[in-house]
Amino acid sequence: MELSLATRTVAEHTVLEVGGEVDVYTAPRLRERLVELVDSGARNVIVDLGGVEFLDSTGLGVLVGAMKRLRVANGRFGLVCSKEALLKIFRITALDQVFPIYPTIEAATADSDGSGPTS
């Protein structure tokens, strides 16, 4: 399966909708797009993983790198993910403690201080 990337603006957030498989072959495209967004001035970036069917360690590394890049730029980074298979990957790697992970775009854009979702 190929990787699809689409960007839109919701409130004051840049939402990158990702679809398909994020693996060693497709992760460089995701990395390039995230770097472009930050370099072009995006400071509130949300990556919507709703269309992602597979995510490997290379993809996780890209997401960590994007979060670090945004922190350096005084920006905020969040993920939207409600698929249990992907959430399990974040839990196993303890990245659920690193990323703010929201169930919906609406929840992510409503988090004005970047403290993460409330449960």
C-alpha atoms as a PDB file:
ATOM      1  CA  MET A   1       0.000   0.000   0.000  1.00  0.00           C
ATOM      2  CA  GLU A   2       1.223   3.480  -0.823  1.00  0.00           C
ATOM      3  CA  LEU A   3       1.533   6.438   1.483  1.00  0.00           C
ATOM      4  CA  SER A   4      -0.908   9.316   1.121  1.00  0.00           C
ATOM      5  CA  LEU A   5      -0.333  12.749   2.637  1.00  0.00           C
ATOM      6  CA  ALA A   6      -2.828  15.610   2.709  1.00  0.00           C
ATOM      7  CA  THR A   7      -2.551  18.880   4.596  1.00  0.00           C
ATOM      8  CA  ARG A   8      -5.343  21.112   5.813  1.00  0.00           C
ATOM      9  CA  THR A   9      -5.806  23.867   8.361  1.00  0.00           C
ATOM     10  CA  VAL A  10      -8.183  23.473  11.293  1.00  0.00           C
ATOM     11  CA  ALA A  11      -8.445  26.469  13.610  1.00  0.00           C
ATOM     12  CA  GLU A  12      -4.808  27.525  14.024  1.00  0.00           C
ATOM     13  CA  HIS A  13      -3.455  24.013  13.518  1.00  0.00           C
ATOM     14  CA  THR A  14      -1.839  22.406  10.522  1.00  0.00           C
ATOM     15  CA  VAL A  15      -3.263  18.907  10.167  1.00  0.00           C
ATOM     16  CA  LEU A  16      -1.304  16.348   8.170  1.00  0.00           C
ATOM     17  CA  GLU A  17      -3.569  13.441   7.252  1.00  0.00           C
ATOM     18  CA  VAL A  18      -1.541  10.296   6.695  1.00  0.00           C
ATOM     19  CA  GLY A  19      -2.852   7.181   5.003  1.00  0.00           C
ATOM     20  CA  GLY A  20      -1.472   3.810   4.012  1.00  0.00           C
ATOM     21  CA  GLU A  21       1.710   2.284   5.363  1.00  0.00           C
ATOM     22  CA  VAL A  22       4.464   4.188   7.140  1.00  0.00           C
ATOM     23  CA  ASP A  23       7.543   2.004   6.887  1.00  0.00           C
ATOM     24  CA  VAL A  24      11.197   2.084   5.909  1.00  0.00           C
ATOM     25  CA  TYR A  25      10.224   2.746   2.283  1.00  0.00           C
ATOM     26  CA  THR A  26       7.621   5.478   2.796  1.00  0.00           C
ATOM     27  CA  ALA A  27       8.859   7.186   5.978  1.00  0.00           C
ATOM     28  CA  PRO A  28      11.282   9.479   4.093  1.00  0.00           C
ATOM     29  CA  ARG A  29       8.298  11.065   2.290  1.00  0.00           C
ATOM     30  CA  LEU A  30       6.572  11.659   5.619  1.00  0.00           C
ATOM     31  CA  ARG A  31       9.772  13.133   7.072  1.00  0.00           C
ATOM     32  CA  GLU A  32      10.192  15.469   4.090  1.00  0.00           C
ATOM     33  CA  ARG A  33       6.613  16.697   4.383  1.00  0.00           C
ATOM     34  CA  LEU A  34       6.898  17.344   8.118  1.00  0.00           C
ATOM     35  CA  VAL A  35      10.180  19.228   7.635  1.00  0.00           C
ATOM     36  CA  GLU A  36       8.534  21.316   4.882  1.00  0.00           C
ATOM     37  CA  LEU A  37       5.646  22.195   7.191  1.00  0.00           C
ATOM     38  CA  VAL A  38       7.896  23.317  10.040  1.00  0.00           C
ATOM     39  CA  ASP A  39      10.285  25.155   7.699  1.00  0.00           C
ATOM     40  CA  SER A  40       7.326  27.004   6.166  1.00  0.00           C
ATOM     41  CA  GLY A  41       6.228  28.274   9.570  1.00  0.00           C
ATOM     42  CA  ALA A  42       3.745  25.707  10.890  1.00  0.00           C
ATOM     43  CA  ARG A  43       3.951  25.730  14.702  1.00  0.00           C
ATOM     44  CA  ASN A  44       0.867  23.738  15.742  1.00  0.00           C
ATOM     45  CA  VAL A  45       1.112  20.458  13.855  1.00  0.00           C
ATOM     46  CA  ILE A  46      -1.264  17.552  14.260  1.00  0.00           C
ATOM     47  CA  VAL A  47      -0.586  14.289  12.465  1.00  0.00           C
ATOM     48  CA  ASP A  48      -3.808  12.368  11.833  1.00  0.00           C
ATOM     49  CA  LEU A  49      -2.989   8.658  11.691  1.00  0.00           C
ATOM     50  CA  GLY A  50      -6.615   7.662  11.021  1.00  0.00           C
ATOM     51  CA  GLY A  51      -5.802   6.281   7.587  1.00  0.00           C
ATOM     52  CA  VAL A  52      -2.597   4.474   8.590  1.00  0.00           C
ATOM     53  CA  GLU A  53      -2.754   0.696   8.270  1.00  0.00           C
ATOM     54  CA  PHE A  54       0.839  -0.047   9.314  1.00  0.00           C
ATOM     55  CA  LEU A  55       3.504   1.848  11.257  1.00  0.00           C
ATOM     56  CA  ASP A  56       7.019   0.553  11.880  1.00  0.00           C
ATOM     57  CA  SER A  57       9.971   1.806  13.911  1.00  0.00           C
ATOM     58  CA  THR A  58      11.161   4.007  11.065  1.00  0.00           C
ATOM     59  CA  GLY A  59       7.813   5.781  11.082  1.00  0.00           C
ATOM     60  CA  LEU A  60       7.973   6.175  14.857  1.00  0.00           C
ATOM     61  CA  GLY A  61      11.412   7.747  14.464  1.00  0.00           C
ATOM     62  CA  VAL A  62      10.056  10.240  11.941  1.00  0.00           C
ATOM     63  CA  LEU A  63       7.306  11.270  14.371  1.00  0.00           C
ATOM     64  CA  VAL A  64       9.796  11.692  17.228  1.00  0.00           C
ATOM     65  CA  GLY A  65      12.046  13.765  14.957  1.00  0.00           C
ATOM     66  CA  ALA A  66       9.152  16.017  13.947  1.00  0.00           C
ATOM     67  CA  MET A  67       8.197  16.568  17.568  1.00  0.00           C
ATOM     68  CA  LYS A  68      11.798  17.520  18.436  1.00  0.00           C
ATOM     69  CA  ARG A  69      11.995  19.879  15.459  1.00  0.00           C
ATOM     70  CA  LEU A  70       8.800  21.611  16.573  1.00  0.00           C
ATOM     71  CA  ARG A  71       9.982  21.909  20.177  1.00  0.00           C
ATOM     72  CA  VAL A  72      13.130  23.696  18.985  1.00  0.00           C
ATOM     73  CA  ALA A  73      10.878  26.065  17.019  1.00  0.00           C
ATOM     74  CA  ASN A  74       8.635  26.622  20.086  1.00  0.00           C
ATOM     75  CA  GLY A  75       5.865  24.712  18.386  1.00  0.00           C
ATOM     76  CA  ARG A  76       3.451  21.989  19.410  1.00  0.00           C
ATOM     77  CA  PHE A  77       3.017  18.503  18.001  1.00  0.00           C
ATOM     78  CA  GLY A  78       0.197  16.031  18.520  1.00  0.00           C
ATOM     79  CA  LEU A  79      -1.142  12.825  17.067  1.00  0.00           C
ATOM     80  CA  VAL A  80      -4.682  11.759  16.302  1.00  0.00           C
ATOM     81  CA  CYS A  81      -5.099   8.016  16.583  1.00  0.00           C
ATOM     82  CA  SER A  82      -7.995   5.824  17.581  1.00  0.00           C
ATOM     83  CA  LYS A  83      -6.897   2.504  16.061  1.00  0.00           C
ATOM     84  CA  GLU A  84      -6.106   0.017  18.788  1.00  0.00           C
ATOM     85  CA  ALA A  85      -3.336  -1.683  16.778  1.00  0.00           C
ATOM     86  CA  LEU A  86      -1.449   1.614  16.460  1.00  0.00           C
ATOM     87  CA  LEU A  87      -2.193   2.682  20.027  1.00  0.00           C
ATOM     88  CA  LYS A  88      -0.687  -0.617  21.188  1.00  0.00           C
ATOM     89  CA  ILE A  89       2.567   0.251  19.380  1.00  0.00           C
ATOM     90  CA  PHE A  90       2.689   3.604  21.181  1.00  0.00           C
ATOM     91  CA  ARG A  91       2.041   1.906  24.538  1.00  0.00           C
ATOM     92  CA  ILE A  92       4.638  -0.846  24.015  1.00  0.00           C
ATOM     93  CA  THR A  93       7.301   1.707  23.076  1.00  0.00           C
ATOM     94  CA  ALA A  94       6.178   4.089  25.869  1.00  0.00           C
ATOM     95  CA  LEU A  95       5.727   6.779  23.228  1.00  0.00           C
ATOM     96  CA  ASP A  96       2.200   7.264  24.551  1.00  0.00           C
ATOM     97  CA  GLN A  97       4.002   9.044  27.406  1.00  0.00           C
ATOM     98  CA  VAL A  98       5.893  11.257  24.940  1.00  0.00           C
ATOM     99  CA  PHE A  99       3.248  12.255  22.396  1.00  0.00           C
ATOM    100  CA  PRO A 100      -0.075  13.847  23.162  1.00  0.00           C
ATOM    101  CA  ILE A 101      -2.426  11.382  21.446  1.00  0.00           C
ATOM    102  CA  TYR A 102      -6.012  12.435  20.794  1.00  0.00           C
ATOM    103  CA  PRO A 103      -8.992  10.362  19.632  1.00  0.00           C
ATOM    104  CA  THR A 104     -10.211  13.020  17.156  1.00  0.00           C
ATOM    105  CA  ILE A 105      -9.103  16.158  15.309  1.00  0.00           C
ATOM    106  CA  GLU A 106     -11.655  18.101  17.322  1.00  0.00           C
ATOM    107  CA  ALA A 107     -10.085  16.985  20.612  1.00  0.00           C
ATOM    108  CA  ALA A 108      -6.602  17.850  19.365  1.00  0.00           C
ATOM    109  CA  THR A 109      -7.539  21.324  18.179  1.00  0.00           C
ATOM    110  CA  ALA A 110      -9.486  22.035  21.377  1.00  0.00           C
ATOM    111  CA  ASP A 111      -6.376  21.445  23.508  1.00  0.00           C
ATOM    112  CA  SER A 112      -5.256  25.051  23.614  1.00  0.00           C
ATOM    113  CA  ASP A 113      -2.339  24.625  26.019  1.00  0.00           C
ATOM    114  CA  GLY A 114      -0.848  21.448  24.532  1.00  0.00           C
ATOM    115  CA  SER A 115      -1.094  19.545  27.799  1.00  0.00           C
ATOM    116  CA  GLY A 116      -2.577  16.532  26.090  1.00  0.00           C
ATOM    117  CA  PRO A 117      -5.920  14.786  26.204  1.00  0.00           C
ATOM    118  CA  THR A 118      -7.831  14.425  29.413  1.00  0.00           C
ATOM    119  CA  SER A 119      -9.163  11.015  30.253  1.00  0.00           C
END
